Amino acid sequence: MGIVQPHLWYHDNAVEAAEFYVSVFPNSTITNIVHAPADMPDVKKGDPFLVEFVLDGMPVTAISAGASLTLNAAFSFLVDVDDQETLDRYWDALLEGGGEEVACGWLTDRFGLSWQVVPRQLAMWTMSPDADPEGAARATQVMLTQKKLDIAALEAAYRGD
């Protein structure tokens, strides 16, 4: 039996990234830091190399292993939220220190990791078999104009207000 979990590659700041993420999300902690042995390419012996942490209950591993690989938007964490206050809190926290707003509820944090911070309602409106297709299309059109999602505007569009 095994565990499936994300493994993130950072140039040199995996521990700093993990410390940041566990400060943002509840039920999160760093569980282990491994220091680099000798003869690791792009990593100095003794530097923090691998960090294992739990992110809101999900195990994650990250390494500081040089610039041969780079995080990009092909991988993102999805943060489902119930209300605008929670959406705003996570959005603002993840942008802290130099993150960048992208589009449609996506952002890139200061470490280069992509995040989607979206209301749970969006999935119900667009993917539920009971969804109103016209409402879903209206909500999607509004979403396409937003960076940080505005739940009230999306709800109004879905209803046709």
N, C-alpha and C. Protein backbone atom coordinates (compact mmCIF):
# COMPACT_ATOMS: atom_id res chain seq x y z
N MET A 1 0.85 -1.18 0.00
CA MET A 1 0.00 0.00 0.00
C MET A 1 0.89 1.25 0.00
N GLY A 2 0.49 2.28 -0.70
CA GLY A 2 1.27 3.52 -0.77
C GLY A 2 0.39 4.74 -0.58
N ILE A 3 1.01 5.87 -0.62
CA ILE A 3 0.30 7.15 -0.48
C ILE A 3 0.59 7.98 -1.72
N VAL A 4 -0.42 8.56 -2.31
CA VAL A 4 -0.25 9.50 -3.41
C VAL A 4 -0.24 10.90 -2.80
N GLN A 5 0.79 11.67 -3.14
CA GLN A 5 0.88 13.02 -2.60
C GLN A 5 1.65 13.91 -3.56
N PRO A 6 1.43 15.21 -3.48
CA PRO A 6 2.19 16.13 -4.32
C PRO A 6 3.66 16.17 -3.90
N HIS A 7 4.53 16.38 -4.88
CA HIS A 7 5.96 16.56 -4.65
C HIS A 7 6.36 17.81 -5.44
N LEU A 8 6.75 18.85 -4.75
CA LEU A 8 7.02 20.15 -5.36
C LEU A 8 8.51 20.41 -5.44
N TRP A 9 8.96 21.00 -6.52
CA TRP A 9 10.37 21.29 -6.75
C TRP A 9 10.58 22.80 -6.69
N TYR A 10 11.40 23.23 -5.76
CA TYR A 10 11.78 24.64 -5.64
C TYR A 10 13.27 24.76 -5.91
N HIS A 11 13.68 25.93 -6.37
CA HIS A 11 15.10 26.14 -6.65
C HIS A 11 15.91 26.04 -5.37
N ASP A 12 15.52 26.83 -4.35
CA ASP A 12 16.33 26.85 -3.12
C ASP A 12 15.55 27.19 -1.86
N ASN A 13 14.23 27.25 -1.92
CA ASN A 13 13.50 27.73 -0.75
C ASN A 13 12.29 26.87 -0.38
N ALA A 14 12.42 25.57 -0.48
CA ALA A 14 11.30 24.67 -0.16
C ALA A 14 10.87 24.81 1.29
N VAL A 15 11.82 24.93 2.20
CA VAL A 15 11.46 25.04 3.62
C VAL A 15 10.72 26.35 3.86
N GLU A 16 11.20 27.44 3.29
CA GLU A 16 10.52 28.73 3.45
C GLU A 16 9.10 28.65 2.89
N ALA A 17 8.94 28.03 1.74
CA ALA A 17 7.60 27.87 1.15
C ALA A 17 6.71 27.04 2.07
N ALA A 18 7.23 25.92 2.57
CA ALA A 18 6.44 25.06 3.46
C ALA A 18 6.04 25.82 4.72
N GLU A 19 6.95 26.58 5.29
CA GLU A 19 6.63 27.38 6.48
C GLU A 19 5.51 28.36 6.18
N PHE A 20 5.57 28.97 5.02
CA PHE A 20 4.52 29.91 4.61
C PHE A 20 3.18 29.19 4.49
N TYR A 21 3.14 28.06 3.77
CA TYR A 21 1.88 27.35 3.54
C TYR A 21 1.26 26.87 4.84
N VAL A 22 2.06 26.35 5.76
CA VAL A 22 1.48 25.86 7.01
C VAL A 22 0.99 27.01 7.89
N SER A 23 1.49 28.23 7.65
CA SER A 23 0.99 29.39 8.39
C SER A 23 -0.36 29.87 7.83
N VAL A 24 -0.63 29.55 6.57
CA VAL A 24 -1.86 30.01 5.92
C VAL A 24 -3.03 29.07 6.18
N PHE A 25 -2.79 27.77 6.16
CA PHE A 25 -3.88 26.79 6.21
C PHE A 25 -3.94 26.10 7.57
N PRO A 26 -5.16 25.96 8.11
CA PRO A 26 -5.31 25.21 9.36
C PRO A 26 -4.98 23.74 9.14
N ASN A 27 -4.79 23.02 10.23
CA ASN A 27 -4.53 21.58 10.16
C ASN A 27 -3.29 21.29 9.32
N SER A 28 -2.26 22.14 9.48
CA SER A 28 -1.03 22.04 8.69
C SER A 28 0.19 22.10 9.60
N THR A 29 1.21 21.34 9.26
CA THR A 29 2.44 21.34 10.04
C THR A 29 3.60 20.78 9.23
N ILE A 30 4.79 21.22 9.55
CA ILE A 30 6.00 20.62 8.97
C ILE A 30 6.32 19.39 9.80
N THR A 31 6.55 18.28 9.13
CA THR A 31 6.79 17.02 9.84
C THR A 31 8.24 16.57 9.78
N ASN A 32 9.01 17.03 8.79
CA ASN A 32 10.40 16.57 8.67
C ASN A 32 11.16 17.48 7.71
N ILE A 33 12.40 17.75 8.06
CA ILE A 33 13.32 18.47 7.17
C ILE A 33 14.58 17.63 7.07
N VAL A 34 14.99 17.33 5.85
CA VAL A 34 16.20 16.56 5.59
C VAL A 34 17.24 17.50 5.00
N HIS A 35 18.45 17.43 5.52
CA HIS A 35 19.53 18.27 5.01
C HIS A 35 20.30 17.51 3.94
N ALA A 36 20.82 18.24 2.99
CA ALA A 36 21.46 17.64 1.82
C ALA A 36 22.73 16.89 2.18
N PRO A 37 22.86 15.69 1.65
CA PRO A 37 24.14 14.99 1.78
C PRO A 37 25.14 15.60 0.80
N ALA A 38 26.37 15.13 0.85
CA ALA A 38 27.38 15.60 -0.09
C ALA A 38 27.03 15.13 -1.50
N ASP A 39 27.57 15.82 -2.49
CA ASP A 39 27.47 15.42 -3.90
C ASP A 39 26.06 15.52 -4.49
N MET A 40 25.24 16.42 -3.98
CA MET A 40 23.94 16.67 -4.59
C MET A 40 24.12 17.79 -5.61
N PRO A 41 23.71 17.59 -6.85
CA PRO A 41 23.84 18.68 -7.84
C PRO A 41 23.02 19.90 -7.42
N ASP A 42 23.59 21.06 -7.54
CA ASP A 42 22.93 22.35 -7.27
C ASP A 42 22.51 22.56 -5.81
N VAL A 43 23.00 21.71 -4.89
CA VAL A 43 22.64 21.85 -3.49
C VAL A 43 23.91 21.69 -2.66
N LYS A 44 24.11 22.63 -1.74
CA LYS A 44 25.28 22.59 -0.88
C LYS A 44 25.08 21.60 0.27
N LYS A 45 26.06 20.81 0.58
CA LYS A 45 25.99 19.85 1.68
C LYS A 45 25.52 20.55 2.96
N GLY A 46 24.55 19.94 3.61
CA GLY A 46 24.03 20.46 4.87
C GLY A 46 22.89 21.45 4.74
N ASP A 47 22.66 21.99 3.55
CA ASP A 47 21.53 22.91 3.37
C ASP A 47 20.22 22.13 3.46
N PRO A 48 19.15 22.81 3.90
CA PRO A 48 17.85 22.13 3.87
C PRO A 48 17.55 21.70 2.43
N PHE A 49 17.18 20.45 2.26
CA PHE A 49 17.01 19.89 0.93
C PHE A 49 15.58 19.41 0.69
N LEU A 50 15.06 18.64 1.61
CA LEU A 50 13.73 18.06 1.46
C LEU A 50 12.91 18.43 2.69
N VAL A 51 11.67 18.80 2.45
CA VAL A 51 10.78 19.11 3.57
C VAL A 51 9.48 18.35 3.36
N GLU A 52 9.04 17.70 4.40
CA GLU A 52 7.75 17.01 4.38
C GLU A 52 6.81 17.81 5.28
N PHE A 53 5.61 18.04 4.78
CA PHE A 53 4.65 18.78 5.58
C PHE A 53 3.25 18.29 5.29
N VAL A 54 2.35 18.66 6.16
CA VAL A 54 0.94 18.33 6.00
C VAL A 54 0.24 19.65 5.74
N LEU A 55 -0.49 19.72 4.63
CA LEU A 55 -1.21 20.93 4.24
C LEU A 55 -2.70 20.66 4.33
N ASP A 56 -3.31 21.20 5.36
CA ASP A 56 -4.74 20.98 5.64
C ASP A 56 -5.08 19.49 5.59
N GLY A 57 -4.23 18.68 6.21
CA GLY A 57 -4.46 17.25 6.30
C GLY A 57 -3.85 16.42 5.18
N MET A 58 -3.33 17.05 4.13
CA MET A 58 -2.78 16.32 2.98
C MET A 58 -1.25 16.32 3.06
N PRO A 59 -0.62 15.13 2.98
CA PRO A 59 0.84 15.11 2.99
C PRO A 59 1.42 15.67 1.70
N VAL A 60 2.47 16.47 1.84
CA VAL A 60 3.16 17.09 0.71
C VAL A 60 4.66 16.98 0.95
N THR A 61 5.42 16.77 -0.10
CA THR A 61 6.88 16.79 -0.03
C THR A 61 7.37 17.88 -0.98
N ALA A 62 8.41 18.58 -0.55
CA ALA A 62 9.02 19.59 -1.41
C ALA A 62 10.53 19.50 -1.28
N ILE A 63 11.21 19.83 -2.38
CA ILE A 63 12.67 19.82 -2.35
C ILE A 63 13.22 21.15 -2.86
N SER A 64 14.39 21.48 -2.35
CA SER A 64 15.18 22.59 -2.87
C SER A 64 16.30 21.95 -3.67
N ALA A 65 16.16 21.94 -4.99
CA ALA A 65 17.08 21.14 -5.79
C ALA A 65 17.63 21.86 -7.01
N GLY A 66 17.66 23.19 -6.96
CA GLY A 66 18.26 23.92 -8.07
C GLY A 66 17.26 24.26 -9.15
N ALA A 67 17.76 24.91 -10.18
CA ALA A 67 16.90 25.51 -11.20
C ALA A 67 16.64 24.62 -12.41
N SER A 68 16.96 23.34 -12.33
CA SER A 68 16.75 22.51 -13.52
C SER A 68 15.28 22.25 -13.81
N LEU A 69 14.41 22.38 -12.81
CA LEU A 69 12.96 22.31 -13.02
C LEU A 69 12.32 23.53 -12.37
N THR A 70 11.19 23.95 -12.89
CA THR A 70 10.50 25.13 -12.39
C THR A 70 9.01 24.85 -12.27
N LEU A 71 8.42 25.30 -11.16
CA LEU A 71 6.97 25.20 -11.00
C LEU A 71 6.29 26.01 -12.09
N ASN A 72 5.13 25.54 -12.54
CA ASN A 72 4.33 26.32 -13.49
C ASN A 72 2.85 26.01 -13.27
N ALA A 73 1.98 26.67 -14.01
CA ALA A 73 0.54 26.56 -13.81
C ALA A 73 -0.04 25.22 -14.25
N ALA A 74 0.79 24.34 -14.80
CA ALA A 74 0.29 23.00 -15.14
C ALA A 74 -0.08 22.22 -13.89
N PHE A 75 0.44 22.65 -12.73
CA PHE A 75 0.06 22.07 -11.45
C PHE A 75 -0.42 23.19 -10.56
N SER A 76 -1.56 22.99 -9.91
CA SER A 76 -2.05 23.98 -8.96
C SER A 76 -2.76 23.28 -7.82
N PHE A 77 -2.84 23.98 -6.70
CA PHE A 77 -3.68 23.53 -5.60
C PHE A 77 -5.02 24.25 -5.73
N LEU A 78 -6.09 23.52 -5.53
CA LEU A 78 -7.44 24.06 -5.55
C LEU A 78 -7.91 24.25 -4.12
N VAL A 79 -8.32 25.46 -3.78
CA VAL A 79 -8.84 25.77 -2.46
C VAL A 79 -10.33 26.08 -2.62
N ASP A 80 -11.18 25.13 -2.21
CA ASP A 80 -12.63 25.32 -2.25
C ASP A 80 -13.05 26.08 -1.00
N VAL A 81 -13.81 27.14 -1.19
CA VAL A 81 -14.25 27.94 -0.04
C VAL A 81 -15.77 28.08 -0.05
N ASP A 82 -16.31 28.36 1.12
CA ASP A 82 -17.76 28.45 1.26
C ASP A 82 -18.30 29.87 1.16
N ASP A 83 -17.45 30.88 1.39
CA ASP A 83 -17.97 32.25 1.43
C ASP A 83 -16.89 33.24 1.01
N GLN A 84 -17.33 34.46 0.76
CA GLN A 84 -16.41 35.50 0.28
C GLN A 84 -15.35 35.84 1.31
N GLU A 85 -15.71 35.84 2.58
CA GLU A 85 -14.73 36.17 3.63
C GLU A 85 -13.56 35.17 3.61
N THR A 86 -13.87 33.89 3.48
CA THR A 86 -12.82 32.87 3.44
C THR A 86 -12.02 32.99 2.15
N LEU A 87 -12.70 33.22 1.03
CA LEU A 87 -12.02 33.40 -0.25
C LEU A 87 -11.04 34.57 -0.15
N ASP A 88 -11.51 35.69 0.38
CA ASP A 88 -10.65 36.87 0.52
C ASP A 88 -9.45 36.59 1.41
N ARG A 89 -9.67 35.89 2.52
CA ARG A 89 -8.58 35.60 3.47
C ARG A 89 -7.48 34.77 2.80
N TYR A 90 -7.87 33.69 2.12
CA TYR A 90 -6.86 32.85 1.45
C TYR A 90 -6.21 33.59 0.28
N TRP A 91 -7.01 34.30 -0.49
CA TRP A 91 -6.48 35.04 -1.64
C TRP A 91 -5.40 36.02 -1.18
N ASP A 92 -5.74 36.82 -0.17
CA ASP A 92 -4.80 37.83 0.31
C ASP A 92 -3.56 37.19 0.92
N ALA A 93 -3.74 36.12 1.69
CA ALA A 93 -2.60 35.45 2.33
C ALA A 93 -1.66 34.86 1.29
N LEU A 94 -2.21 34.21 0.27
CA LEU A 94 -1.37 33.56 -0.73
C LEU A 94 -0.64 34.57 -1.63
N LEU A 95 -1.19 35.78 -1.75
CA LEU A 95 -0.52 36.83 -2.53
C LEU A 95 0.55 37.56 -1.72
N GLU A 96 0.54 37.38 -0.41
CA GLU A 96 1.45 38.10 0.47
C GLU A 96 2.91 37.92 0.05
N GLY A 97 3.62 39.01 0.06
CA GLY A 97 5.06 38.95 -0.19
C GLY A 97 5.47 38.89 -1.64
N GLY A 98 4.54 39.14 -2.56
CA GLY A 98 4.93 39.19 -3.96
C GLY A 98 4.25 38.20 -4.88
N GLY A 99 3.13 37.64 -4.47
CA GLY A 99 2.37 36.78 -5.37
C GLY A 99 1.75 37.61 -6.49
N GLU A 100 1.12 36.91 -7.44
CA GLU A 100 0.55 37.60 -8.60
C GLU A 100 -0.84 37.05 -8.91
N GLU A 101 -1.80 37.95 -9.05
CA GLU A 101 -3.13 37.56 -9.50
C GLU A 101 -3.04 37.13 -10.96
N VAL A 102 -3.77 36.10 -11.33
CA VAL A 102 -3.74 35.65 -12.71
C VAL A 102 -5.11 35.92 -13.31
N ALA A 103 -6.02 34.98 -13.28
CA ALA A 103 -7.37 35.17 -13.83
C ALA A 103 -8.28 34.07 -13.32
N CYS A 104 -9.57 34.35 -13.29
CA CYS A 104 -10.60 33.33 -13.03
C CYS A 104 -10.38 32.58 -11.72
N GLY A 105 -9.93 33.29 -10.67
CA GLY A 105 -9.70 32.66 -9.39
C GLY A 105 -8.33 32.03 -9.23
N TRP A 106 -7.44 32.23 -10.20
CA TRP A 106 -6.08 31.68 -10.13
C TRP A 106 -5.11 32.77 -9.67
N LEU A 107 -4.11 32.34 -8.93
CA LEU A 107 -3.01 33.21 -8.55
C LEU A 107 -1.73 32.38 -8.48
N THR A 108 -0.61 33.07 -8.50
CA THR A 108 0.69 32.43 -8.31
C THR A 108 1.30 33.06 -7.08
N ASP A 109 1.70 32.23 -6.10
CA ASP A 109 2.29 32.78 -4.88
C ASP A 109 3.74 33.21 -5.14
N ARG A 110 4.35 33.80 -4.15
CA ARG A 110 5.71 34.35 -4.32
C ARG A 110 6.77 33.28 -4.56
N PHE A 111 6.41 32.02 -4.35
CA PHE A 111 7.34 30.92 -4.59
C PHE A 111 7.15 30.29 -5.96
N GLY A 112 6.14 30.76 -6.71
CA GLY A 112 5.90 30.25 -8.06
C GLY A 112 4.85 29.15 -8.14
N LEU A 113 4.20 28.82 -7.02
CA LEU A 113 3.17 27.78 -7.01
C LEU A 113 1.82 28.39 -7.37
N SER A 114 1.08 27.71 -8.24
CA SER A 114 -0.24 28.19 -8.67
C SER A 114 -1.33 27.66 -7.74
N TRP A 115 -2.31 28.51 -7.52
CA TRP A 115 -3.44 28.21 -6.65
C TRP A 115 -4.73 28.63 -7.36
N GLN A 116 -5.78 27.88 -7.15
CA GLN A 116 -7.13 28.26 -7.56
C GLN A 116 -7.94 28.43 -6.28
N VAL A 117 -8.44 29.63 -6.03
CA VAL A 117 -9.24 29.89 -4.85
C VAL A 117 -10.65 30.18 -5.35
N VAL A 118 -11.54 29.20 -5.18
CA VAL A 118 -12.85 29.26 -5.82
C VAL A 118 -13.97 28.87 -4.85
N PRO A 119 -15.14 29.47 -5.05
CA PRO A 119 -16.29 29.09 -4.22
C PRO A 119 -16.83 27.72 -4.63
N ARG A 120 -17.25 26.95 -3.64
CA ARG A 120 -17.84 25.63 -3.92
C ARG A 120 -19.04 25.74 -4.87
N GLN A 121 -19.77 26.84 -4.78
CA GLN A 121 -20.95 27.03 -5.61
C GLN A 121 -20.62 26.95 -7.10
N LEU A 122 -19.43 27.37 -7.47
CA LEU A 122 -19.06 27.40 -8.88
C LEU A 122 -19.14 26.00 -9.49
N ALA A 123 -18.69 25.00 -8.77
CA ALA A 123 -18.78 23.62 -9.27
C ALA A 123 -20.24 23.19 -9.39
N MET A 124 -21.06 23.57 -8.43
CA MET A 124 -22.49 23.21 -8.50
C MET A 124 -23.15 23.87 -9.70
N TRP A 125 -22.80 25.12 -9.96
CA TRP A 125 -23.43 25.84 -11.06
C TRP A 125 -22.99 25.31 -12.41
N THR A 126 -21.77 24.87 -12.51
CA THR A 126 -21.23 24.51 -13.83
C THR A 126 -21.15 23.02 -14.10
N MET A 127 -21.13 22.19 -13.04
CA MET A 127 -20.92 20.76 -13.27
C MET A 127 -22.05 19.86 -12.77
N SER A 128 -22.93 20.38 -11.97
CA SER A 128 -24.02 19.56 -11.44
C SER A 128 -25.01 19.22 -12.54
N PRO A 129 -25.51 17.98 -12.56
CA PRO A 129 -26.52 17.63 -13.56
C PRO A 129 -27.80 18.46 -13.40
N ASP A 130 -28.00 19.02 -12.21
CA ASP A 130 -29.19 19.83 -11.95
C ASP A 130 -28.97 21.32 -12.26
N ALA A 131 -27.78 21.67 -12.70
CA ALA A 131 -27.46 23.07 -12.96
C ALA A 131 -28.27 23.60 -14.13
N ASP A 132 -28.55 24.88 -14.05
CA ASP A 132 -29.21 25.59 -15.15
C ASP A 132 -28.13 25.95 -16.17
N PRO A 133 -28.16 25.37 -17.37
CA PRO A 133 -27.09 25.63 -18.35
C PRO A 133 -26.95 27.10 -18.71
N GLU A 134 -28.06 27.81 -18.81
CA GLU A 134 -27.98 29.24 -19.13
C GLU A 134 -27.37 30.01 -17.97
N GLY A 135 -27.75 29.66 -16.75
CA GLY A 135 -27.17 30.29 -15.56
C GLY A 135 -25.69 30.00 -15.47
N ALA A 136 -25.32 28.75 -15.76
CA ALA A 136 -23.90 28.38 -15.73
C ALA A 136 -23.12 29.19 -16.76
N ALA A 137 -23.67 29.37 -17.92
CA ALA A 137 -22.99 30.15 -18.97
C ALA A 137 -22.83 31.60 -18.53
N ARG A 138 -23.87 32.17 -17.92
CA ARG A 138 -23.77 33.56 -17.44
C ARG A 138 -22.71 33.68 -16.35
N ALA A 139 -22.72 32.74 -15.39
CA ALA A 139 -21.74 32.78 -14.30
C ALA A 139 -20.32 32.62 -14.85
N THR A 140 -20.17 31.74 -15.83
CA THR A 140 -18.85 31.53 -16.44
C THR A 140 -18.38 32.80 -17.13
N GLN A 141 -19.25 33.48 -17.83
CA GLN A 141 -18.86 34.72 -18.50
C GLN A 141 -18.39 35.77 -17.50
N VAL A 142 -19.08 35.87 -16.37
CA VAL A 142 -18.64 36.82 -15.34
C VAL A 142 -17.31 36.38 -14.76
N MET A 143 -17.16 35.09 -14.49
CA MET A 143 -15.91 34.58 -13.94
C MET A 143 -14.73 34.93 -14.85
N LEU A 144 -14.93 34.84 -16.15
CA LEU A 144 -13.86 35.11 -17.11
C LEU A 144 -13.38 36.55 -17.08
N THR A 145 -14.16 37.45 -16.47
CA THR A 145 -13.76 38.86 -16.37
C THR A 145 -13.07 39.18 -15.04
N GLN A 146 -13.04 38.21 -14.13
CA GLN A 146 -12.52 38.46 -12.78
C GLN A 146 -11.14 37.83 -12.59
N LYS A 147 -10.39 38.41 -11.69
CA LYS A 147 -9.18 37.76 -11.19
C LYS A 147 -9.57 37.09 -9.89
N LYS A 148 -9.67 37.85 -8.78
CA LYS A 148 -10.23 37.29 -7.55
C LYS A 148 -11.73 37.19 -7.76
N LEU A 149 -12.29 36.03 -7.47
CA LEU A 149 -13.70 35.81 -7.74
C LEU A 149 -14.59 36.53 -6.73
N ASP A 150 -15.66 37.11 -7.24
CA ASP A 150 -16.66 37.81 -6.44
C ASP A 150 -17.90 36.93 -6.42
N ILE A 151 -18.13 36.27 -5.30
CA ILE A 151 -19.21 35.29 -5.21
C ILE A 151 -20.57 35.93 -5.46
N ALA A 152 -20.82 37.12 -4.91
CA ALA A 152 -22.11 37.77 -5.10
C ALA A 152 -22.37 38.05 -6.59
N ALA A 153 -21.36 38.51 -7.30
CA ALA A 153 -21.51 38.79 -8.74
C ALA A 153 -21.75 37.49 -9.52
N LEU A 154 -21.07 36.42 -9.13
CA LEU A 154 -21.28 35.13 -9.80
C LEU A 154 -22.68 34.58 -9.53
N GLU A 155 -23.13 34.71 -8.29
CA GLU A 155 -24.49 34.25 -7.94
C GLU A 155 -25.54 35.05 -8.71
N ALA A 156 -25.35 36.36 -8.78
CA ALA A 156 -26.30 37.21 -9.50
C ALA A 156 -26.34 36.83 -10.97
N ALA A 157 -25.20 36.58 -11.56
CA ALA A 157 -25.16 36.17 -12.97
C ALA A 157 -25.85 34.83 -13.16
N TYR A 158 -25.62 33.89 -12.27
CA TYR A 158 -26.24 32.58 -12.36
C TYR A 158 -27.77 32.70 -12.32
N ARG A 159 -28.25 33.57 -11.42
CA ARG A 159 -29.72 33.78 -11.27
C ARG A 159 -30.28 34.60 -12.43
N GLY A 160 -29.44 35.32 -13.14
CA GLY A 160 -29.91 36.20 -14.22
C GLY A 160 -30.29 37.58 -13.75
N ASP A 161 -29.81 37.98 -12.59
CA ASP A 161 -30.11 39.32 -12.05
C ASP A 161 -29.34 40.39 -12.79
